């Protein structure tokens, strides 16, 4: 019989987060050698990772950190909310975020190549994925520049880590208003800062759509230009932050709120897990 104790099984479980039977079987196979049992479990986990490659990862969390003139946000995804709320997964997200910040990574590929605990972030994720027993992916990384930042992380469920994350870079000193704008972004999901940033091709496509809709409604041809511009204005309110009505007071635009607070938003990013 293999020479190990219940304390050895507990030590292995605490180290890797594996189940009791998996830990016990690994120690049996390793003849009680704890380090060999660790390698056995990691190898089995790595093989399982390959089988999980095509699985969907619709759960996870967002995490963000501001450092100097840069704020970085990541979305780390997994298969189930059970893993998403586990201490190991949350700790992994913190390690991935720290590595991305240290490397100055602005894309997921750059973050995956960043150094982490003797290897790369990609290696770390693969190893932890094997231990967690689920597919884990670094889905997105965003970087925002600014003189100051507001980081808003929203929990859609009290027992889960943050599912929606917003980073706002700004100049000015009104941190309370900056936070309110970040909360607005979490709710309203703008795609661009201003209407000038909306790609011309997207605007033209929308113009064609609302023109066709207006014609089909029997609007007079002479009135179409004005009607179309009005409907384009409504479109910009959907996609451009500065054009949007403020969530806390729809009589004000975000542009007006920022002006009154002497704030200038220099950039923002918004992630929602699985979206």
Protein backbone atom coordinates (compact mmCIF):
# COMPACT_ATOMS: atom_id res chain seq x y z
CA UNK A 1 0.00 0.00 0.00
CA UNK A 2 1.27 3.49 -0.85
CA UNK A 3 2.88 5.31 2.07
CA UNK A 4 0.86 8.49 2.63
CA UNK A 5 -1.50 9.96 5.20
CA UNK A 6 -4.76 11.86 5.24
CA UNK A 7 -2.66 14.99 5.84
CA UNK A 8 -0.87 14.33 2.53
CA UNK A 9 -4.21 14.10 0.73
CA UNK A 10 -5.30 17.38 2.33
CA UNK A 11 -2.01 19.06 1.40
CA UNK A 12 -2.44 17.99 -2.23
CA UNK A 13 -6.04 19.18 -2.32
CA UNK A 14 -5.11 22.54 -0.78
CA UNK A 15 -2.27 22.99 -3.25
CA UNK A 16 -4.15 22.15 -6.44
CA UNK A 17 -7.81 22.38 -5.51
CA UNK A 18 -8.47 18.86 -6.78
CA UNK A 19 -11.09 16.49 -5.43
CA UNK A 20 -10.42 14.03 -2.63
CA UNK A 21 -10.54 10.88 -4.77
CA UNK A 22 -8.40 12.40 -7.53
CA UNK A 23 -5.84 13.47 -4.94
CA UNK A 24 -5.85 10.09 -3.22
CA UNK A 25 -5.53 8.18 -6.51
CA UNK A 26 -2.64 10.38 -7.60
CA UNK A 27 -0.81 9.68 -4.33
CA UNK A 28 -1.42 5.97 -4.78
CA UNK A 29 0.01 6.13 -8.31
CA UNK A 30 2.96 8.18 -7.04
CA UNK A 31 3.59 5.78 -4.15
CA UNK A 32 3.11 8.59 -1.65
CA UNK A 33 5.48 11.06 -3.34
CA UNK A 34 3.69 14.42 -3.08
CA UNK A 35 5.65 16.17 -5.84
CA UNK A 36 5.18 13.24 -8.20
CA UNK A 37 1.44 13.25 -7.42
CA UNK A 38 1.32 16.94 -8.33
CA UNK A 39 2.91 16.18 -11.70
CA UNK A 40 0.52 13.29 -12.30
CA UNK A 41 -2.52 15.50 -11.66
CA UNK A 42 -1.17 18.32 -13.82
CA UNK A 43 -0.44 15.93 -16.68
CA UNK A 44 -3.95 14.47 -16.46
CA UNK A 45 -5.36 17.97 -16.38
CA UNK A 46 -3.36 19.03 -19.43
CA UNK A 47 -4.70 16.06 -21.39
CA UNK A 48 -8.22 17.00 -20.34
CA UNK A 49 -7.62 20.57 -21.54
CA UNK A 50 -7.30 19.30 -25.11
CA UNK A 51 -10.68 17.57 -24.81
CA UNK A 52 -12.22 20.81 -23.54
CA UNK A 53 -10.90 22.95 -26.40
CA UNK A 54 -14.25 23.25 -28.19
CA UNK A 55 -16.38 23.91 -25.11
CA UNK A 56 -18.15 27.24 -24.70
CA UNK A 57 -16.98 29.69 -22.04
CA UNK A 58 -19.92 31.94 -21.24
CA UNK A 59 -19.18 32.58 -17.55
CA UNK A 60 -16.28 34.34 -15.86
CA UNK A 61 -15.40 37.77 -14.53
CA UNK A 62 -13.99 41.15 -15.40
CA UNK A 63 -11.13 42.77 -13.50
CA UNK A 64 -9.39 46.11 -13.92
CA UNK A 65 -6.47 48.07 -12.55
CA UNK A 66 -5.22 51.62 -13.02
CA UNK A 67 -1.50 52.29 -12.83
CA UNK A 68 0.11 55.58 -13.79
CA UNK A 69 -1.39 56.95 -16.99
CA UNK A 70 -2.85 53.60 -18.06
CA UNK A 71 -5.79 51.49 -16.89
CA UNK A 72 -6.08 47.86 -17.97
CA UNK A 73 -9.19 45.66 -17.98
CA UNK A 74 -9.48 41.95 -18.71
CA UNK A 75 -12.26 39.44 -19.20
CA UNK A 76 -11.35 35.95 -18.03
CA UNK A 77 -13.93 33.33 -18.98
CA UNK A 78 -14.79 29.80 -17.90
CA UNK A 79 -17.60 27.30 -18.42
CA UNK A 80 -19.68 27.54 -15.25
CA UNK A 81 -20.58 30.10 -12.60
CA UNK A 82 -19.46 27.54 -9.99
CA UNK A 83 -15.85 27.94 -11.16
CA UNK A 84 -16.26 31.68 -11.84
CA UNK A 85 -16.92 32.37 -8.15
CA UNK A 86 -14.21 30.06 -6.85
CA UNK A 87 -11.24 31.52 -5.00
CA UNK A 88 -8.81 29.86 -7.40
CA UNK A 89 -10.39 31.39 -10.48
CA UNK A 90 -10.55 34.84 -8.89
CA UNK A 91 -6.90 34.54 -7.85
CA UNK A 92 -6.00 33.47 -11.39
CA UNK A 93 -7.72 36.55 -12.79
CA UNK A 94 -5.73 38.75 -10.41
CA UNK A 95 -2.47 37.11 -11.52
CA UNK A 96 -3.36 37.47 -15.21
CA UNK A 97 -4.28 41.13 -14.72
CA UNK A 98 -1.05 41.86 -12.82
CA UNK A 99 1.01 40.21 -15.53
CA UNK A 100 -0.79 42.12 -18.29
CA UNK A 101 -0.25 45.42 -16.47
CA UNK A 102 3.43 44.68 -15.81
CA UNK A 103 3.98 43.84 -19.49
CA UNK A 104 2.00 46.84 -20.75
CA UNK A 105 -0.17 44.45 -22.77
CA UNK A 106 -3.03 46.04 -24.71
CA UNK A 107 -4.36 42.91 -26.44
CA UNK A 108 -5.22 39.39 -25.34
CA UNK A 109 -2.40 37.95 -27.46
CA UNK A 110 0.14 40.29 -25.88
CA UNK A 111 -1.14 39.45 -22.40
CA UNK A 112 -0.97 35.71 -23.07
CA UNK A 113 2.68 36.09 -24.06
CA UNK A 114 3.52 38.09 -20.92
CA UNK A 115 5.81 36.50 -18.28
CA UNK A 116 4.05 34.85 -15.34
CA UNK A 117 5.39 32.51 -12.60
CA UNK A 118 8.23 30.96 -14.56
CA UNK A 119 6.39 30.79 -17.87
CA UNK A 120 3.83 32.88 -19.69
CA UNK A 121 0.27 33.88 -18.90
CA UNK A 122 -0.85 31.29 -21.45
CA UNK A 123 1.07 28.61 -19.52
CA UNK A 124 -0.43 29.78 -16.23
CA UNK A 125 -3.98 29.68 -17.62
CA UNK A 126 -3.43 26.21 -19.10
CA UNK A 127 -2.09 24.90 -15.79
CA UNK A 128 -4.90 26.41 -13.72
CA UNK A 129 -7.48 25.24 -16.25
CA UNK A 130 -6.25 21.70 -15.72
CA UNK A 131 -6.64 22.09 -11.98
CA UNK A 132 -10.07 23.75 -12.17
CA UNK A 133 -11.34 21.11 -14.58
CA UNK A 134 -12.82 23.60 -17.04
CA UNK A 135 -11.79 25.45 -20.15
CA UNK A 136 -10.47 28.91 -19.21
CA UNK A 137 -9.84 31.69 -21.71
CA UNK A 138 -8.51 35.22 -21.62
CA UNK A 139 -11.16 36.64 -23.95
CA UNK A 140 -10.35 40.34 -24.02
CA UNK A 141 -7.94 43.00 -22.84
CA UNK A 142 -8.51 46.76 -23.09
CA UNK A 143 -6.23 49.65 -22.22
CA UNK A 144 -7.42 53.21 -21.55
CA UNK A 145 -5.18 56.26 -21.20
CA UNK A 146 -5.87 59.28 -19.04
CA UNK A 147 -4.75 61.64 -16.31
CA UNK A 148 -7.24 60.05 -13.91
CA UNK A 149 -9.46 56.96 -13.96
CA UNK A 150 -12.73 55.64 -12.68
CA UNK A 151 -13.00 51.85 -12.49
CA UNK A 152 -16.52 50.53 -11.98
CA UNK A 153 -17.09 46.79 -11.56
CA UNK A 154 -20.72 45.67 -11.35
CA UNK A 155 -22.00 42.40 -9.92
CA UNK A 156 -25.15 41.17 -11.65
CA UNK A 157 -25.51 38.61 -8.86
CA UNK A 158 -24.31 39.06 -5.28
CA UNK A 159 -22.72 35.60 -5.16
CA UNK A 160 -20.71 36.07 -8.38
CA UNK A 161 -17.63 38.18 -9.14
CA UNK A 162 -18.07 41.31 -11.31
CA UNK A 163 -19.77 40.56 -14.62
CA UNK A 164 -19.70 44.08 -16.09
CA UNK A 165 -16.63 46.30 -16.00
CA UNK A 166 -16.10 49.90 -17.07
CA UNK A 167 -12.91 51.94 -17.13
CA UNK A 168 -13.14 55.68 -17.82
CA UNK A 169 -10.08 57.84 -18.44
CA UNK A 170 -10.59 61.54 -17.86
CA UNK A 171 -9.12 64.91 -17.06
CA UNK A 172 -10.61 66.99 -14.26
CA UNK A 173 -11.15 66.64 -10.53
CA UNK A 174 -14.80 65.66 -10.07
CA UNK A 175 -14.40 61.98 -9.20
CA UNK A 176 -18.05 61.60 -8.14
CA UNK A 177 -19.33 62.66 -11.56
CA UNK A 178 -16.73 60.47 -13.26
CA UNK A 179 -18.07 57.50 -11.30
CA UNK A 180 -21.64 58.36 -12.27
CA UNK A 181 -20.60 58.45 -15.92
CA UNK A 182 -18.90 55.06 -15.52
CA UNK A 183 -22.13 53.68 -14.05
CA UNK A 184 -24.05 55.20 -16.96
CA UNK A 185 -21.72 53.44 -19.42
CA UNK A 186 -22.30 50.12 -17.64
CA UNK A 187 -26.05 50.60 -18.14
CA UNK A 188 -26.21 52.29 -21.58
CA UNK A 189 -23.41 50.40 -23.38
CA UNK A 190 -22.16 53.11 -25.79
CA UNK A 191 -19.82 51.87 -28.49
CA UNK A 192 -17.96 55.12 -29.17
CA UNK A 193 -17.01 58.25 -27.28
CA UNK A 194 -18.40 60.74 -29.81
CA UNK A 195 -20.34 60.66 -33.06
CA UNK A 196 -17.14 61.66 -34.87
CA UNK A 197 -15.61 58.30 -33.90
CA UNK A 198 -18.41 56.25 -35.48
CA UNK A 199 -17.00 54.77 -38.72
CA UNK A 200 -18.35 56.48 -41.83
CA UNK A 201 -19.41 53.12 -43.26
CA UNK A 202 -21.62 52.44 -40.24
CA UNK A 203 -23.21 55.89 -40.43
CA UNK A 204 -23.89 55.48 -44.15
CA UNK A 205 -25.43 52.06 -43.60
CA UNK A 206 -27.71 53.49 -40.90
CA UNK A 207 -28.59 56.40 -43.18
CA UNK A 208 -29.66 53.97 -45.92
CA UNK A 209 -31.77 51.97 -43.47
CA UNK A 210 -33.64 54.94 -41.98
CA UNK A 211 -34.13 56.45 -45.46
CA UNK A 212 -35.75 53.22 -46.66
CA UNK A 213 -37.89 53.00 -43.52
CA UNK A 214 -39.04 56.60 -43.96
CA UNK A 215 -39.95 56.03 -47.62
CA UNK A 216 -41.87 52.87 -46.73
CA UNK A 217 -43.82 54.89 -44.18
CA UNK A 218 -44.93 57.19 -46.99
CA UNK A 219 -43.03 60.25 -45.84
CA UNK A 220 -42.87 63.07 -48.44
CA UNK A 221 -39.69 62.95 -50.49
CA UNK A 222 -39.01 66.62 -49.82
CA UNK A 223 -39.12 66.01 -46.07
CA UNK A 224 -36.84 62.97 -46.12
CA UNK A 225 -33.52 64.76 -45.48
CA UNK A 226 -34.80 66.33 -42.26
CA UNK A 227 -36.49 63.12 -41.12
CA UNK A 228 -33.40 61.05 -41.84
CA UNK A 229 -31.14 63.44 -39.93
CA UNK A 230 -33.50 63.27 -36.98
CA UNK A 231 -33.40 59.50 -36.99
CA UNK A 232 -29.62 59.52 -37.34
CA UNK A 233 -29.56 61.69 -34.22
CA UNK A 234 -31.46 58.96 -32.40
CA UNK A 235 -28.92 56.42 -33.69
CA UNK A 236 -26.02 58.50 -32.35
CA UNK A 237 -27.76 58.58 -28.96
CA UNK A 238 -27.59 54.80 -28.96
CA UNK A 239 -23.92 54.40 -29.89
CA UNK A 240 -22.05 57.61 -28.93
CA UNK A 241 -21.50 58.36 -25.24
CA UNK A 242 -21.47 62.15 -25.50
CA UNK A 243 -24.81 62.14 -27.37
CA UNK A 244 -26.58 59.89 -24.89
CA UNK A 245 -29.16 61.07 -22.38
CA UNK A 246 -27.76 60.83 -18.87
CA UNK A 247 -29.18 57.79 -17.10
CA UNK A 248 -29.73 59.73 -13.87
CA UNK A 249 -31.42 62.69 -15.58
CA UNK A 250 -32.63 62.21 -19.16
CA UNK A 251 -33.06 65.96 -19.57
CA UNK A 252 -29.26 66.22 -19.70
CA UNK A 253 -26.84 64.77 -22.23
CA UNK A 254 -23.61 63.18 -21.08
CA UNK A 255 -21.78 65.98 -22.89
CA UNK A 256 -23.62 68.54 -20.73
CA UNK A 257 -22.98 66.59 -17.53
CA UNK A 258 -19.25 66.49 -18.30
CA UNK A 259 -19.18 70.17 -19.23
CA UNK A 260 -20.89 71.19 -15.98
CA UNK A 261 -18.40 69.12 -13.99
CA UNK A 262 -15.39 70.44 -15.97
CA UNK A 263 -14.53 66.89 -17.00
CA UNK A 264 -13.22 65.61 -20.32
CA UNK A 265 -13.45 61.88 -21.03
CA UNK A 266 -10.32 60.80 -22.90
CA UNK A 267 -11.40 57.20 -23.40
CA UNK A 268 -13.41 54.34 -21.99
CA UNK A 269 -13.85 50.58 -22.20
CA UNK A 270 -16.76 48.36 -21.22
CA UNK A 271 -16.79 44.57 -20.91
CA UNK A 272 -19.70 42.30 -20.08
CA UNK A 273 -18.96 38.64 -19.46
CA UNK A 274 -20.03 36.51 -22.40
CA UNK A 275 -21.18 39.46 -24.53
